[in-house]
């Protein structure tokens, strides 16, 4: 495998971000009803009458706001403003608080359930939007949602964030963030994304309550979710913190490793056990889950390994391994980044005009046929990978 120079890697990532990823999403702007079209299918048909998700809208807002913050491009600022208006207009429940799961294509409430994961992404997006634009209303909205998550979403009796609620904030079975045949009371996925949201909130509002919440989240991840022997985060739990399934999510583990590091950094809260967790997660993925072609497999349930290459898993792995390289100075992590980028460039990025990245690629190198844009397929993972690596390489 040819290892790219830092300069070439930086140039290729920047080009992919500015000339391919962002233009694709900018073209999905809905001028009539607000927000961005709900789906682009594998055939690249724009499904303009599809629902618009709360998570997708928040991720679009984050992506455009972060892009504007980094580049200063006023066109990206306008897209951030457009996404902000839709998130805080159509998707925000003024009567009962919080962000809806989805609205229809015209912006009318469709799925009015509330999920802590969804609220966390709104905090993340609004905080980034404030970082980029200094719109004070966005900071106040992020703070309001933070208090909502803390007072309603956090359950002090079990020491964890609850998951799913109806519109009126009555707790419901966690259908939306459970998988693999279980319904989980507590998920690792929600907790790492609350951590991510609060990390960015703390950057714009260095408040003692946010710091305390971040410290508590780091402790939850270390004491309840991290399996030190297996060097992984367990994924699904019941209310008594019993792990419900023998599952390793390689993408979430490598993503969590750098999100944990970022949270420690922002609150100046580094602890040896947390650093061990960061490096342990990265080392385990590097040793076990990287394929011969440089890509990262999806997950393992008991003895069954899902080798599917998922778009977001490749993106997060590049950030996670670069973070591990910065932590350790071990060039093997840098080689993993180069291998992942080579695979992504050759297989994951869709070269068809008017497309972006495939959802997945199989062992045979052929793409899966899931949507190119949708409720869960957004620019957040791959545009964030570009931003993180460009900023980190610029600091070297």
Protein backbone atom coordinates (compact mmCIF):
# COMPACT_ATOMS: atom_id res chain seq x y z
CA UNK A 1 0.00 0.00 0.00
CA UNK A 2 1.35 3.41 -0.95
CA UNK A 3 1.43 5.74 2.06
CA UNK A 4 0.47 9.29 1.16
CA UNK A 5 2.45 12.23 2.43
CA UNK A 6 0.73 14.46 4.95
CA UNK A 7 0.50 17.21 2.34
CA UNK A 8 -1.15 14.93 -0.23
CA UNK A 9 -3.53 13.46 2.35
CA UNK A 10 -4.53 16.95 3.46
CA UNK A 11 -5.05 18.11 -0.12
CA UNK A 12 -7.21 15.12 -1.05
CA UNK A 13 -9.38 15.36 2.07
CA UNK A 14 -9.90 19.09 1.61
CA UNK A 15 -10.89 18.60 -2.01
CA UNK A 16 -13.35 15.84 -1.14
CA UNK A 17 -14.95 17.99 1.57
CA UNK A 18 -15.22 21.28 -0.33
CA UNK A 19 -15.78 20.01 -3.87
CA UNK A 20 -17.84 16.87 -3.33
CA UNK A 21 -19.45 16.39 0.10
CA UNK A 22 -20.67 19.92 0.82
CA UNK A 23 -21.91 20.70 -2.73
CA UNK A 24 -24.00 17.50 -2.72
CA UNK A 25 -25.87 18.53 0.43
CA UNK A 26 -26.21 22.15 -0.59
CA UNK A 27 -28.17 21.02 -3.66
CA UNK A 28 -30.78 19.33 -1.44
CA UNK A 29 -31.98 22.61 0.03
CA UNK A 30 -35.79 22.86 0.00
CA UNK A 31 -36.61 26.43 -0.94
CA UNK A 32 -40.36 25.89 -0.77
CA UNK A 33 -40.88 24.22 2.61
CA UNK A 34 -37.58 24.75 4.39
CA UNK A 35 -34.89 22.35 5.48
CA UNK A 36 -33.42 19.80 3.11
CA UNK A 37 -35.08 17.06 1.08
CA UNK A 38 -35.81 13.96 3.09
CA UNK A 39 -34.13 11.36 0.89
CA UNK A 40 -31.96 10.71 -2.13
CA UNK A 41 -32.24 7.04 -3.02
CA UNK A 42 -29.57 4.82 -4.53
CA UNK A 43 -30.79 5.73 -8.02
CA UNK A 44 -30.09 9.38 -7.07
CA UNK A 45 -33.75 10.39 -7.20
CA UNK A 46 -34.57 13.32 -4.92
CA UNK A 47 -37.52 12.24 -2.75
CA UNK A 48 -38.88 15.69 -2.08
CA UNK A 49 -42.04 14.41 -0.38
CA UNK A 50 -40.19 12.28 2.20
CA UNK A 51 -40.17 13.11 5.94
CA UNK A 52 -37.46 15.33 7.36
CA UNK A 53 -35.78 14.03 10.49
CA UNK A 54 -34.76 15.89 13.62
CA UNK A 55 -31.43 14.09 13.76
CA UNK A 56 -30.74 14.69 10.06
CA UNK A 57 -31.60 18.39 10.34
CA UNK A 58 -29.38 18.84 13.39
CA UNK A 59 -26.52 17.08 11.63
CA UNK A 60 -26.95 19.26 8.56
CA UNK A 61 -26.92 22.35 10.75
CA UNK A 62 -23.78 21.16 12.50
CA UNK A 63 -22.08 20.38 9.18
CA UNK A 64 -22.79 23.73 7.56
CA UNK A 65 -22.04 25.72 10.72
CA UNK A 66 -18.71 23.95 11.25
CA UNK A 67 -17.84 24.39 7.58
CA UNK A 68 -18.56 28.11 7.81
CA UNK A 69 -16.53 28.40 11.02
CA UNK A 70 -13.53 26.80 9.34
CA UNK A 71 -13.74 28.39 5.89
CA UNK A 72 -15.55 31.70 6.42
CA UNK A 73 -17.49 31.06 3.20
CA UNK A 74 -20.70 33.17 3.34
CA UNK A 75 -22.52 30.64 1.15
CA UNK A 76 -22.03 28.04 3.87
CA UNK A 77 -23.27 30.54 6.46
CA UNK A 78 -26.51 30.91 4.52
CA UNK A 79 -27.01 27.16 4.50
CA UNK A 80 -26.38 27.08 8.25
CA UNK A 81 -28.98 29.81 8.75
CA UNK A 82 -31.43 27.87 6.58
CA UNK A 83 -30.96 24.65 8.58
CA UNK A 84 -31.17 26.58 11.86
CA UNK A 85 -34.50 28.11 10.92
CA UNK A 86 -35.96 24.71 10.12
CA UNK A 87 -34.63 23.01 13.25
CA UNK A 88 -35.88 25.73 15.59
CA UNK A 89 -39.10 26.29 13.66
CA UNK A 90 -40.65 23.12 12.29
CA UNK A 91 -38.85 20.60 14.50
CA UNK A 92 -38.95 22.35 17.87
CA UNK A 93 -42.01 21.65 20.02
CA UNK A 94 -42.78 25.02 21.55
CA UNK A 95 -45.67 23.63 23.59
CA UNK A 96 -44.02 20.60 25.21
CA UNK A 97 -40.31 21.33 24.68
CA UNK A 98 -37.71 19.39 22.79
CA UNK A 99 -37.14 18.32 19.19
CA UNK A 100 -39.51 16.02 17.32
CA UNK A 101 -38.23 12.82 15.76
CA UNK A 102 -39.55 13.92 12.37
CA UNK A 103 -41.86 16.24 10.44
CA UNK A 104 -43.40 15.74 7.02
CA UNK A 105 -41.93 17.35 3.94
CA UNK A 106 -43.98 20.53 4.51
CA UNK A 107 -42.69 20.88 8.07
CA UNK A 108 -45.78 19.60 9.94
CA UNK A 109 -45.19 17.31 12.96
CA UNK A 110 -45.12 13.65 11.93
CA UNK A 111 -43.40 11.49 14.57
CA UNK A 112 -43.65 13.54 17.75
CA UNK A 113 -41.72 11.22 20.04
CA UNK A 114 -38.77 12.73 21.90
CA UNK A 115 -35.47 10.91 22.26
CA UNK A 116 -32.51 12.02 24.36
CA UNK A 117 -30.21 11.12 21.45
CA UNK A 118 -32.17 13.51 19.24
CA UNK A 119 -32.09 16.31 21.83
CA UNK A 120 -28.34 15.83 22.20
CA UNK A 121 -27.77 16.34 18.49
CA UNK A 122 -29.77 19.55 18.65
CA UNK A 123 -27.54 20.77 21.50
CA UNK A 124 -24.49 19.82 19.45
CA UNK A 125 -25.74 21.62 16.34
CA UNK A 126 -26.96 24.75 18.09
CA UNK A 127 -23.69 25.05 20.00
CA UNK A 128 -21.65 24.74 16.80
CA UNK A 129 -23.92 27.25 15.08
CA UNK A 130 -23.25 29.71 17.90
CA UNK A 131 -19.50 29.06 17.60
CA UNK A 132 -19.70 29.96 13.93
CA UNK A 133 -22.17 32.85 13.99
CA UNK A 134 -22.49 34.17 17.57
CA UNK A 135 -26.30 34.11 17.20
CA UNK A 136 -27.25 34.42 20.86
CA UNK A 137 -30.65 32.78 20.46
CA UNK A 138 -28.93 29.56 19.40
CA UNK A 139 -26.83 29.47 22.56
CA UNK A 140 -29.92 30.04 24.70
CA UNK A 141 -31.77 27.26 22.87
CA UNK A 142 -28.83 24.89 23.41
CA UNK A 143 -28.78 25.72 27.12
CA UNK A 144 -32.54 25.18 27.39
CA UNK A 145 -32.23 21.75 25.78
CA UNK A 146 -29.30 20.92 28.08
CA UNK A 147 -31.48 21.63 31.11
CA UNK A 148 -34.29 19.56 29.60
CA UNK A 149 -31.97 16.58 29.11
CA UNK A 150 -30.59 16.91 32.62
CA UNK A 151 -33.93 17.32 34.41
CA UNK A 152 -36.01 14.89 32.35
CA UNK A 153 -33.57 12.63 30.53
CA UNK A 154 -31.11 11.85 33.32
CA UNK A 155 -32.22 9.26 35.87
CA UNK A 156 -30.23 9.66 39.07
CA UNK A 157 -31.66 6.42 40.52
CA UNK A 158 -29.86 4.32 37.89
CA UNK A 159 -27.08 6.77 37.10
CA UNK A 160 -27.78 6.89 33.39
CA UNK A 161 -29.54 8.86 30.68
CA UNK A 162 -32.90 7.49 29.74
CA UNK A 163 -33.69 7.07 26.08
CA UNK A 164 -37.15 7.42 24.52
CA UNK A 165 -40.22 9.49 25.44
CA UNK A 166 -43.50 10.43 23.85
CA UNK A 167 -44.30 14.02 22.95
CA UNK A 168 -45.33 14.77 26.53
CA UNK A 169 -42.13 13.34 28.02
CA UNK A 170 -43.63 10.12 29.30
CA UNK A 171 -40.98 7.39 29.06
CA UNK A 172 -41.50 4.75 26.37
CA UNK A 173 -39.69 1.55 25.30
CA UNK A 174 -36.50 2.46 23.47
CA UNK A 175 -37.46 1.37 19.97
CA UNK A 176 -35.40 3.93 18.06
CA UNK A 177 -31.95 3.24 19.51
CA UNK A 178 -32.22 -0.51 20.11
CA UNK A 179 -31.02 -3.12 17.61
CA UNK A 180 -29.88 -6.73 17.34
CA UNK A 181 -33.13 -8.09 18.80
CA UNK A 182 -33.04 -6.30 22.15
CA UNK A 183 -34.87 -3.32 23.63
CA UNK A 184 -32.35 -1.51 25.79
CA UNK A 185 -33.09 0.78 28.74
CA UNK A 186 -29.59 2.26 28.45
CA UNK A 187 -27.40 2.54 25.36
CA UNK A 188 -23.77 3.37 24.83
CA UNK A 189 -24.73 5.22 21.64
CA UNK A 190 -26.89 7.79 23.40
CA UNK A 191 -24.28 8.36 26.11
CA UNK A 192 -21.37 9.03 23.74
CA UNK A 193 -23.49 11.52 21.80
CA UNK A 194 -24.65 13.33 24.91
CA UNK A 195 -20.93 13.54 25.76
CA UNK A 196 -20.20 14.92 22.30
CA UNK A 197 -22.99 17.51 22.58
CA UNK A 198 -21.97 18.71 26.02
CA UNK A 199 -18.32 18.99 24.93
CA UNK A 200 -19.29 21.50 22.26
CA UNK A 201 -21.75 23.24 24.58
CA UNK A 202 -18.97 23.69 27.12
CA UNK A 203 -16.86 25.40 24.48
CA UNK A 204 -19.48 28.14 24.14
CA UNK A 205 -20.80 28.06 27.71
CA UNK A 206 -18.13 26.94 30.19
CA UNK A 207 -20.65 26.46 32.97
CA UNK A 208 -20.07 24.36 36.11
CA UNK A 209 -23.23 22.31 35.46
CA UNK A 210 -22.02 21.28 32.02
CA UNK A 211 -18.59 20.40 33.38
CA UNK A 212 -20.14 18.28 36.11
CA UNK A 213 -22.30 16.49 33.56
CA UNK A 214 -19.25 15.79 31.38
CA UNK A 215 -17.33 14.45 34.37
CA UNK A 216 -20.27 12.19 35.20
CA UNK A 217 -20.51 10.95 31.60
CA UNK A 218 -16.81 10.09 31.50
CA UNK A 219 -17.23 8.16 34.74
CA UNK A 220 -20.27 6.30 33.37
CA UNK A 221 -18.34 5.29 30.27
CA UNK A 222 -15.34 4.11 32.28
CA UNK A 223 -17.12 2.40 35.16
CA UNK A 224 -20.26 0.97 33.54
CA UNK A 225 -19.68 0.65 29.82
CA UNK A 226 -16.00 -0.05 29.25
CA UNK A 227 -14.94 -3.69 29.41
CA UNK A 228 -11.27 -3.40 30.28
CA UNK A 229 -10.49 -7.03 29.45
CA UNK A 230 -12.10 -6.91 26.00
CA UNK A 231 -11.11 -3.25 25.43
CA UNK A 232 -14.56 -2.38 24.17
CA UNK A 233 -17.65 -0.45 25.22
CA UNK A 234 -20.64 -2.69 25.85
CA UNK A 235 -23.59 -1.48 23.82
CA UNK A 236 -26.99 -2.29 25.38
CA UNK A 237 -27.98 -2.49 29.05
CA UNK A 238 -31.01 -3.00 31.27
CA UNK A 239 -31.84 -0.64 34.12
CA UNK A 240 -29.53 -2.56 36.46
CA UNK A 241 -26.55 -2.10 34.14
CA UNK A 242 -26.57 -5.71 32.98
CA UNK A 243 -25.18 -5.99 29.46
CA UNK A 244 -27.91 -7.44 27.25
CA UNK A 245 -25.84 -8.82 24.39
CA UNK A 246 -22.29 -9.81 23.53
CA UNK A 247 -21.77 -7.17 20.88
CA UNK A 248 -18.79 -5.12 19.76
CA UNK A 249 -19.52 -2.10 17.60
CA UNK A 250 -16.16 -1.30 16.03
CA UNK A 251 -17.32 2.03 14.62
CA UNK A 252 -18.77 3.29 17.88
CA UNK A 253 -15.70 2.18 19.83
CA UNK A 254 -13.23 4.07 17.65
CA UNK A 255 -15.57 7.07 17.51
CA UNK A 256 -15.92 7.05 21.30
CA UNK A 257 -12.17 6.94 21.78
CA UNK A 258 -11.63 10.38 20.28
CA UNK A 259 -14.86 11.86 21.67
CA UNK A 260 -13.73 10.84 25.17
CA UNK A 261 -10.35 12.44 24.55
CA UNK A 262 -11.99 15.63 23.30
CA UNK A 263 -14.21 15.85 26.38
CA UNK A 264 -11.24 15.37 28.70
CA UNK A 265 -9.38 18.10 26.87
CA UNK A 266 -12.15 20.68 26.93
CA UNK A 267 -12.71 20.39 30.70
CA UNK A 268 -9.02 19.83 31.51
CA UNK A 269 -10.08 16.58 33.14
CA UNK A 270 -7.48 14.07 32.00
CA UNK A 271 -7.20 10.97 34.15
CA UNK A 272 -4.94 7.95 33.60
CA UNK A 273 -7.87 5.49 33.55
CA UNK A 274 -9.61 7.54 30.86
CA UNK A 275 -6.45 7.78 28.76
CA UNK A 276 -6.06 4.01 29.10
CA UNK A 277 -9.62 3.65 27.79
CA UNK A 278 -8.92 5.90 24.80
CA UNK A 279 -5.77 4.01 23.83
CA UNK A 280 -7.25 0.62 24.69
CA UNK A 281 -10.20 1.14 22.36
CA UNK A 282 -7.97 2.34 19.52
CA UNK A 283 -5.46 -0.48 19.94
CA UNK A 284 -8.15 -3.16 20.02
CA UNK A 285 -9.74 -1.89 16.79
CA UNK A 286 -6.34 -1.55 15.10
CA UNK A 287 -5.28 -5.08 16.10
CA UNK A 288 -8.53 -6.89 15.37
CA UNK A 289 -10.98 -5.11 13.10
CA UNK A 290 -8.96 -3.62 10.23
CA UNK A 291 -9.26 -5.59 7.00
CA UNK A 292 -6.41 -6.42 4.64
CA UNK A 293 -7.71 -3.74 2.22
CA UNK A 294 -7.35 -1.06 4.92
CA UNK A 295 -11.06 -0.79 5.73
CA UNK A 296 -12.82 -1.27 9.06
CA UNK A 297 -15.47 -3.95 9.50
CA UNK A 298 -18.80 -3.13 11.12
CA UNK A 299 -19.43 -5.21 14.26
CA UNK A 300 -19.20 -8.57 15.98
CA UNK A 301 -22.06 -10.31 17.81
CA UNK A 302 -20.75 -13.28 19.75
CA UNK A 303 -18.78 -15.23 17.12
CA UNK A 304 -20.49 -13.70 14.09
CA UNK A 305 -18.49 -10.92 12.42
CA UNK A 306 -20.23 -8.45 10.12
CA UNK A 307 -17.51 -7.39 7.70
CA UNK A 308 -19.68 -4.85 5.87
CA UNK A 309 -17.88 -1.54 5.41
CA UNK A 310 -20.22 1.25 6.53
CA UNK A 311 -19.62 4.83 5.41
CA UNK A 312 -19.62 6.42 8.86
CA UNK A 313 -17.43 3.72 10.39
CA UNK A 314 -14.61 4.49 7.94
CA UNK A 315 -14.94 8.24 8.61
CA UNK A 316 -14.86 7.93 12.40
CA UNK A 317 -12.00 5.45 12.28
CA UNK A 318 -9.81 7.94 10.47
CA UNK A 319 -10.39 10.52 13.21
CA UNK A 320 -9.98 7.96 15.98
CA UNK A 321 -6.71 6.60 14.65
CA UNK A 322 -5.32 10.04 13.97
CA UNK A 323 -6.21 10.98 17.54
CA UNK A 324 -4.41 7.83 18.77
CA UNK A 325 -1.38 8.81 16.69
CA UNK A 326 -1.37 12.23 18.33
CA UNK A 327 -1.70 10.59 21.75
CA UNK A 328 1.03 8.00 21.31
CA UNK A 329 3.26 9.13 18.46
CA UNK A 330 2.99 5.61 17.05
CA UNK A 331 3.25 5.83 13.24
CA UNK A 332 1.25 2.59 12.91
CA UNK A 333 -1.89 4.60 13.67
CA UNK A 334 -1.00 7.04 10.89
CA UNK A 335 -0.64 4.11 8.51
CA UNK A 336 -4.14 2.99 9.50
CA UNK A 337 -5.48 6.44 8.59
CA UNK A 338 -3.78 6.29 5.19
CA UNK A 339 -5.16 2.80 4.55
CA UNK A 340 -8.68 3.83 5.48
CA UNK A 341 -8.49 6.88 3.26
CA UNK A 342 -7.19 4.82 0.35
CA UNK A 343 -10.09 2.39 0.76
CA UNK A 344 -12.64 5.19 1.15
CA UNK A 345 -11.37 7.04 -1.90
CA UNK A 346 -11.42 3.90 -4.05
CA UNK A 347 -14.63 2.22 -2.87
CA UNK A 348 -16.77 4.30 -0.52
CA UNK A 349 -16.94 7.59 -2.41
CA UNK A 350 -19.52 7.36 -5.19
CA UNK A 351 -18.10 8.76 -8.42
CA UNK A 352 -21.50 9.08 -10.08
CA UNK A 353 -22.38 12.73 -10.82
CA UNK A 354 -24.81 14.07 -8.24
CA UNK A 355 -23.93 11.53 -5.55
CA UNK A 356 -21.89 11.46 -2.36
CA UNK A 357 -20.69 8.38 -0.37
CA UNK A 358 -22.30 4.96 -0.55
CA UNK A 359 -24.01 3.73 2.60
CA UNK A 360 -21.95 0.54 2.57
CA UNK A 361 -19.62 -1.66 0.57
CA UNK A 362 -19.44 -5.46 0.71
CA UNK A 363 -16.51 -7.86 0.78
CA UNK A 364 -16.63 -7.98 -3.02
CA UNK A 365 -16.09 -4.22 -3.32
CA UNK A 366 -19.65 -3.66 -4.55
CA UNK A 367 -21.78 -0.93 -2.94
CA UNK A 368 -24.97 -1.60 -1.08
CA UNK A 369 -28.12 -0.02 -2.47
CA UNK A 370 -29.39 1.89 0.55
CA UNK A 371 -30.13 5.59 0.28
CA UNK A 372 -27.42 8.18 -0.38
CA UNK A 373 -29.19 10.74 1.83
CA UNK A 374 -31.88 10.17 4.43
CA UNK A 375 -32.91 10.14 8.08
CA UNK A 376 -29.60 8.60 9.16
CA UNK A 377 -27.40 9.33 6.13
CA UNK A 378 -26.14 12.88 6.61
CA UNK A 379 -22.89 14.82 6.08
CA UNK A 380 -22.01 14.91 9.77
CA UNK A 381 -19.65 11.90 9.94
CA UNK A 382 -17.75 12.42 6.72
CA UNK A 383 -17.61 16.22 6.77
CA UNK A 384 -16.52 16.07 10.41
CA UNK A 385 -13.77 13.63 9.53
CA UNK A 386 -12.52 16.13 6.96
CA UNK A 387 -12.64 19.04 9.42
CA UNK A 388 -11.00 17.09 12.25
CA UNK A 389 -8.12 15.83 10.14
CA UNK A 390 -7.52 19.14 8.42
CA UNK A 391 -7.44 21.00 11.74
CA UNK A 392 -5.31 18.37 13.45
CA UNK A 393 -2.82 18.17 10.56
CA UNK A 394 -2.57 21.95 10.51
CA UNK A 395 -1.56 21.85 14.18
CA UNK A 396 1.27 19.39 13.61
